[in-house]
């Protein structure tokens, strides 16, 4: 079995964020980056009515009019079983990705999986670090008057 003796007590003035180890910080930063990209895409992008020009195994080439400068645009997006000529709502992206588009059904789910995974990894690692370090904290003994219940 491993060493079960408690480690040294935390020094006075130890930072409160000590639980945020590198193992927790990396997945939490990746989560933040993915959330920022979702916010950029769907927060700053604009939903536009596009027309499916071609469907190549659930990847459609769509055309639409740019909502900012009325330039005709086209891009490939995930689309399912849409047929050429059918309408499809897509999100037109803002600068610096102007002229690109993403679908509004499949891509949010595609981003959702790694966001949930990295968030779970980061929080689990942070919790494990907290639990591990809590086992090594030694609190000073306090005297209580006789008959006083422990809270």
C-alpha atoms as a PDB file:
ATOM      1  CA  UNK A   1       0.000   0.000   0.000  1.00  0.00           C
ATOM      2  CA  UNK A   2       1.025   3.602  -0.412  1.00  0.00           C
ATOM      3  CA  UNK A   3       2.206   6.015   2.188  1.00  0.00           C
ATOM      4  CA  UNK A   4      -0.750   6.978   4.377  1.00  0.00           C
ATOM      5  CA  UNK A   5       1.018   9.370   6.719  1.00  0.00           C
ATOM      6  CA  UNK A   6      -0.241  12.920   6.388  1.00  0.00           C
ATOM      7  CA  UNK A   7       2.038  15.391   4.692  1.00  0.00           C
ATOM      8  CA  UNK A   8       3.192  18.645   6.159  1.00  0.00           C
ATOM      9  CA  UNK A   9       0.630  21.241   7.115  1.00  0.00           C
ATOM     10  CA  UNK A  10      -0.007  24.000   4.608  1.00  0.00           C
ATOM     11  CA  UNK A  11       2.059  27.055   5.451  1.00  0.00           C
ATOM     12  CA  UNK A  12       0.287  30.165   6.661  1.00  0.00           C
ATOM     13  CA  UNK A  13      -0.616  32.446   3.779  1.00  0.00           C
ATOM     14  CA  UNK A  14      -0.756  29.557   1.262  1.00  0.00           C
ATOM     15  CA  UNK A  15      -2.614  30.707  -1.870  1.00  0.00           C
ATOM     16  CA  UNK A  16      -6.286  29.806  -1.958  1.00  0.00           C
ATOM     17  CA  UNK A  17      -5.985  28.756  -5.627  1.00  0.00           C
ATOM     18  CA  UNK A  18      -3.412  26.050  -4.852  1.00  0.00           C
ATOM     19  CA  UNK A  19      -5.959  23.402  -5.886  1.00  0.00           C
ATOM     20  CA  UNK A  20      -5.709  24.678  -9.452  1.00  0.00           C
ATOM     21  CA  UNK A  21      -2.903  22.372 -10.497  1.00  0.00           C
ATOM     22  CA  UNK A  22      -1.575  22.167 -14.039  1.00  0.00           C
ATOM     23  CA  UNK A  23      -3.613  18.989 -14.486  1.00  0.00           C
ATOM     24  CA  UNK A  24      -6.786  20.965 -13.832  1.00  0.00           C
ATOM     25  CA  UNK A  25      -5.687  24.221 -15.441  1.00  0.00           C
ATOM     26  CA  UNK A  26      -4.992  22.822 -18.925  1.00  0.00           C
ATOM     27  CA  UNK A  27      -8.451  21.240 -19.474  1.00  0.00           C
ATOM     28  CA  UNK A  28     -10.181  24.253 -17.925  1.00  0.00           C
ATOM     29  CA  UNK A  29      -8.290  26.603 -20.278  1.00  0.00           C
ATOM     30  CA  UNK A  30      -9.212  24.380 -23.235  1.00  0.00           C
ATOM     31  CA  UNK A  31     -12.836  24.553 -22.101  1.00  0.00           C
ATOM     32  CA  UNK A  32     -12.634  28.345 -21.962  1.00  0.00           C
ATOM     33  CA  UNK A  33     -11.081  28.466 -25.449  1.00  0.00           C
ATOM     34  CA  UNK A  34     -13.806  26.256 -26.905  1.00  0.00           C
ATOM     35  CA  UNK A  35     -16.522  28.301 -25.206  1.00  0.00           C
ATOM     36  CA  UNK A  36     -14.944  31.459 -26.636  1.00  0.00           C
ATOM     37  CA  UNK A  37     -15.001  29.948 -30.126  1.00  0.00           C
ATOM     38  CA  UNK A  38     -18.666  28.998 -29.729  1.00  0.00           C
ATOM     39  CA  UNK A  39     -19.379  32.522 -28.510  1.00  0.00           C
ATOM     40  CA  UNK A  40     -17.519  33.992 -31.478  1.00  0.00           C
ATOM     41  CA  UNK A  41     -19.288  31.757 -33.955  1.00  0.00           C
ATOM     42  CA  UNK A  42     -22.852  31.964 -32.744  1.00  0.00           C
ATOM     43  CA  UNK A  43     -22.672  35.221 -30.782  1.00  0.00           C
ATOM     44  CA  UNK A  44     -21.006  37.389 -33.415  1.00  0.00           C
ATOM     45  CA  UNK A  45     -22.060  35.404 -36.479  1.00  0.00           C
ATOM     46  CA  UNK A  46     -25.409  36.017 -38.087  1.00  0.00           C
ATOM     47  CA  UNK A  47     -28.013  33.453 -39.089  1.00  0.00           C
ATOM     48  CA  UNK A  48     -28.649  33.679 -42.836  1.00  0.00           C
ATOM     49  CA  UNK A  49     -30.925  31.876 -45.251  1.00  0.00           C
ATOM     50  CA  UNK A  50     -28.647  29.928 -47.600  1.00  0.00           C
ATOM     51  CA  UNK A  51     -29.443  27.805 -50.627  1.00  0.00           C
ATOM     52  CA  UNK A  52     -27.960  24.343 -51.006  1.00  0.00           C
ATOM     53  CA  UNK A  53     -25.968  24.258 -54.249  1.00  0.00           C
ATOM     54  CA  UNK A  54     -24.730  20.656 -53.934  1.00  0.00           C
ATOM     55  CA  UNK A  55     -24.750  17.821 -51.401  1.00  0.00           C
ATOM     56  CA  UNK A  56     -21.709  15.553 -51.201  1.00  0.00           C
ATOM     57  CA  UNK A  57     -22.366  12.895 -48.524  1.00  0.00           C
ATOM     58  CA  UNK A  58     -23.892  15.277 -45.928  1.00  0.00           C
ATOM     59  CA  UNK A  59     -21.434  18.097 -46.717  1.00  0.00           C
ATOM     60  CA  UNK A  60     -23.347  20.758 -48.624  1.00  0.00           C
ATOM     61  CA  UNK A  61     -21.992  23.637 -50.620  1.00  0.00           C
ATOM     62  CA  UNK A  62     -24.310  26.514 -49.784  1.00  0.00           C
ATOM     63  CA  UNK A  63     -24.637  30.017 -51.190  1.00  0.00           C
ATOM     64  CA  UNK A  64     -25.919  33.110 -49.411  1.00  0.00           C
ATOM     65  CA  UNK A  65     -25.664  36.869 -49.414  1.00  0.00           C
ATOM     66  CA  UNK A  66     -23.218  38.277 -46.867  1.00  0.00           C
ATOM     67  CA  UNK A  67     -25.292  40.112 -44.218  1.00  0.00           C
ATOM     68  CA  UNK A  68     -22.617  42.800 -43.728  1.00  0.00           C
ATOM     69  CA  UNK A  69     -21.727  43.836 -47.283  1.00  0.00           C
ATOM     70  CA  UNK A  70     -24.242  41.949 -49.505  1.00  0.00           C
ATOM     71  CA  UNK A  71     -21.469  40.056 -51.331  1.00  0.00           C
ATOM     72  CA  UNK A  72     -22.484  36.619 -52.666  1.00  0.00           C
ATOM     73  CA  UNK A  73     -20.731  33.937 -50.596  1.00  0.00           C
ATOM     74  CA  UNK A  74     -20.441  30.161 -50.608  1.00  0.00           C
ATOM     75  CA  UNK A  75     -19.044  27.574 -48.215  1.00  0.00           C
ATOM     76  CA  UNK A  76     -19.287  23.913 -47.267  1.00  0.00           C
ATOM     77  CA  UNK A  77     -21.304  23.014 -44.157  1.00  0.00           C
ATOM     78  CA  UNK A  78     -22.722  19.889 -42.533  1.00  0.00           C
ATOM     79  CA  UNK A  79     -26.241  19.464 -43.862  1.00  0.00           C
ATOM     80  CA  UNK A  80     -27.719  15.977 -43.623  1.00  0.00           C
ATOM     81  CA  UNK A  81     -29.971  14.981 -46.519  1.00  0.00           C
ATOM     82  CA  UNK A  82     -30.703  18.406 -47.983  1.00  0.00           C
ATOM     83  CA  UNK A  83     -31.168  18.498 -51.748  1.00  0.00           C
ATOM     84  CA  UNK A  84     -29.766  21.040 -54.185  1.00  0.00           C
ATOM     85  CA  UNK A  85     -31.981  24.105 -54.302  1.00  0.00           C
ATOM     86  CA  UNK A  86     -33.430  23.654 -50.814  1.00  0.00           C
ATOM     87  CA  UNK A  87     -33.124  26.413 -48.196  1.00  0.00           C
ATOM     88  CA  UNK A  88     -30.837  25.948 -45.188  1.00  0.00           C
ATOM     89  CA  UNK A  89     -30.222  28.356 -42.308  1.00  0.00           C
ATOM     90  CA  UNK A  90     -26.495  28.703 -41.562  1.00  0.00           C
ATOM     91  CA  UNK A  91     -24.417  31.058 -39.423  1.00  0.00           C
ATOM     92  CA  UNK A  92     -22.295  33.459 -41.455  1.00  0.00           C
ATOM     93  CA  UNK A  93     -19.092  34.228 -39.594  1.00  0.00           C
ATOM     94  CA  UNK A  94     -17.754  37.675 -38.738  1.00  0.00           C
ATOM     95  CA  UNK A  95     -14.224  38.977 -39.388  1.00  0.00           C
ATOM     96  CA  UNK A  96     -11.588  37.411 -39.559  1.00  0.00           C
ATOM     97  CA  UNK A  97     -13.493  34.420 -40.957  1.00  0.00           C
ATOM     98  CA  UNK A  98     -15.821  36.440 -43.183  1.00  0.00           C
ATOM     99  CA  UNK A  99     -17.057  34.325 -46.060  1.00  0.00           C
ATOM    100  CA  UNK A 100     -17.152  31.133 -43.973  1.00  0.00           C
ATOM    101  CA  UNK A 101     -20.283  29.576 -42.528  1.00  0.00           C
ATOM    102  CA  UNK A 102     -21.253  26.819 -40.110  1.00  0.00           C
ATOM    103  CA  UNK A 103     -24.439  24.839 -39.781  1.00  0.00           C
ATOM    104  CA  UNK A 104     -26.742  25.423 -36.841  1.00  0.00           C
ATOM    105  CA  UNK A 105     -27.574  21.809 -35.983  1.00  0.00           C
ATOM    106  CA  UNK A 106     -24.548  19.465 -36.097  1.00  0.00           C
ATOM    107  CA  UNK A 107     -21.626  21.764 -35.243  1.00  0.00           C
ATOM    108  CA  UNK A 108     -22.943  22.903 -31.825  1.00  0.00           C
ATOM    109  CA  UNK A 109     -23.166  19.226 -30.808  1.00  0.00           C
ATOM    110  CA  UNK A 110     -19.702  18.625 -32.210  1.00  0.00           C
ATOM    111  CA  UNK A 111     -18.325  21.388 -29.960  1.00  0.00           C
ATOM    112  CA  UNK A 112     -20.425  20.277 -27.008  1.00  0.00           C
ATOM    113  CA  UNK A 113     -18.642  16.942 -26.581  1.00  0.00           C
ATOM    114  CA  UNK A 114     -15.080  18.276 -26.109  1.00  0.00           C
ATOM    115  CA  UNK A 115     -16.380  21.141 -23.958  1.00  0.00           C
ATOM    116  CA  UNK A 116     -18.128  18.690 -21.628  1.00  0.00           C
ATOM    117  CA  UNK A 117     -15.109  16.347 -21.656  1.00  0.00           C
ATOM    118  CA  UNK A 118     -12.509  19.040 -20.864  1.00  0.00           C
ATOM    119  CA  UNK A 119     -14.753  20.611 -18.230  1.00  0.00           C
ATOM    120  CA  UNK A 120     -15.266  17.234 -16.538  1.00  0.00           C
ATOM    121  CA  UNK A 121     -11.520  16.485 -16.686  1.00  0.00           C
ATOM    122  CA  UNK A 122     -10.606  19.866 -15.212  1.00  0.00           C
ATOM    123  CA  UNK A 123     -13.181  19.779 -12.432  1.00  0.00           C
ATOM    124  CA  UNK A 124     -12.397  16.161 -11.571  1.00  0.00           C
ATOM    125  CA  UNK A 125      -8.677  16.902 -11.390  1.00  0.00           C
ATOM    126  CA  UNK A 126      -9.316  20.010  -9.284  1.00  0.00           C
ATOM    127  CA  UNK A 127     -11.578  18.042  -6.931  1.00  0.00           C
ATOM    128  CA  UNK A 128      -9.043  15.191  -6.653  1.00  0.00           C
ATOM    129  CA  UNK A 129      -6.303  17.703  -5.869  1.00  0.00           C
ATOM    130  CA  UNK A 130      -8.488  19.331  -3.214  1.00  0.00           C
ATOM    131  CA  UNK A 131      -9.317  15.984  -1.634  1.00  0.00           C
ATOM    132  CA  UNK A 132      -5.688  14.852  -1.717  1.00  0.00           C
ATOM    133  CA  UNK A 133      -4.458  18.080  -0.143  1.00  0.00           C
ATOM    134  CA  UNK A 134      -7.298  18.203   2.378  1.00  0.00           C
ATOM    135  CA  UNK A 135      -6.065  14.866   3.717  1.00  0.00           C
ATOM    136  CA  UNK A 136      -2.672  16.412   4.413  1.00  0.00           C
ATOM    137  CA  UNK A 137      -3.909  19.567   6.152  1.00  0.00           C
ATOM    138  CA  UNK A 138      -3.373  19.557   9.873  1.00  0.00           C
ATOM    139  CA  UNK A 139      -5.667  21.874  11.708  1.00  0.00           C
ATOM    140  CA  UNK A 140      -4.570  23.133  15.103  1.00  0.00           C
ATOM    141  CA  UNK A 141      -6.330  21.556  18.055  1.00  0.00           C
ATOM    142  CA  UNK A 142      -8.761  23.900  19.761  1.00  0.00           C
ATOM    143  CA  UNK A 143      -9.943  23.577  23.295  1.00  0.00           C
ATOM    144  CA  UNK A 144     -13.669  23.709  23.970  1.00  0.00           C
ATOM    145  CA  UNK A 145     -15.454  24.133  27.239  1.00  0.00           C
ATOM    146  CA  UNK A 146     -16.817  20.886  28.649  1.00  0.00           C
ATOM    147  CA  UNK A 147     -20.217  19.926  27.253  1.00  0.00           C
ATOM    148  CA  UNK A 148     -19.954  22.059  24.103  1.00  0.00           C
ATOM    149  CA  UNK A 149     -20.870  20.091  20.998  1.00  0.00           C
ATOM    150  CA  UNK A 150     -18.546  19.910  18.011  1.00  0.00           C
ATOM    151  CA  UNK A 151     -19.936  21.825  15.028  1.00  0.00           C
END
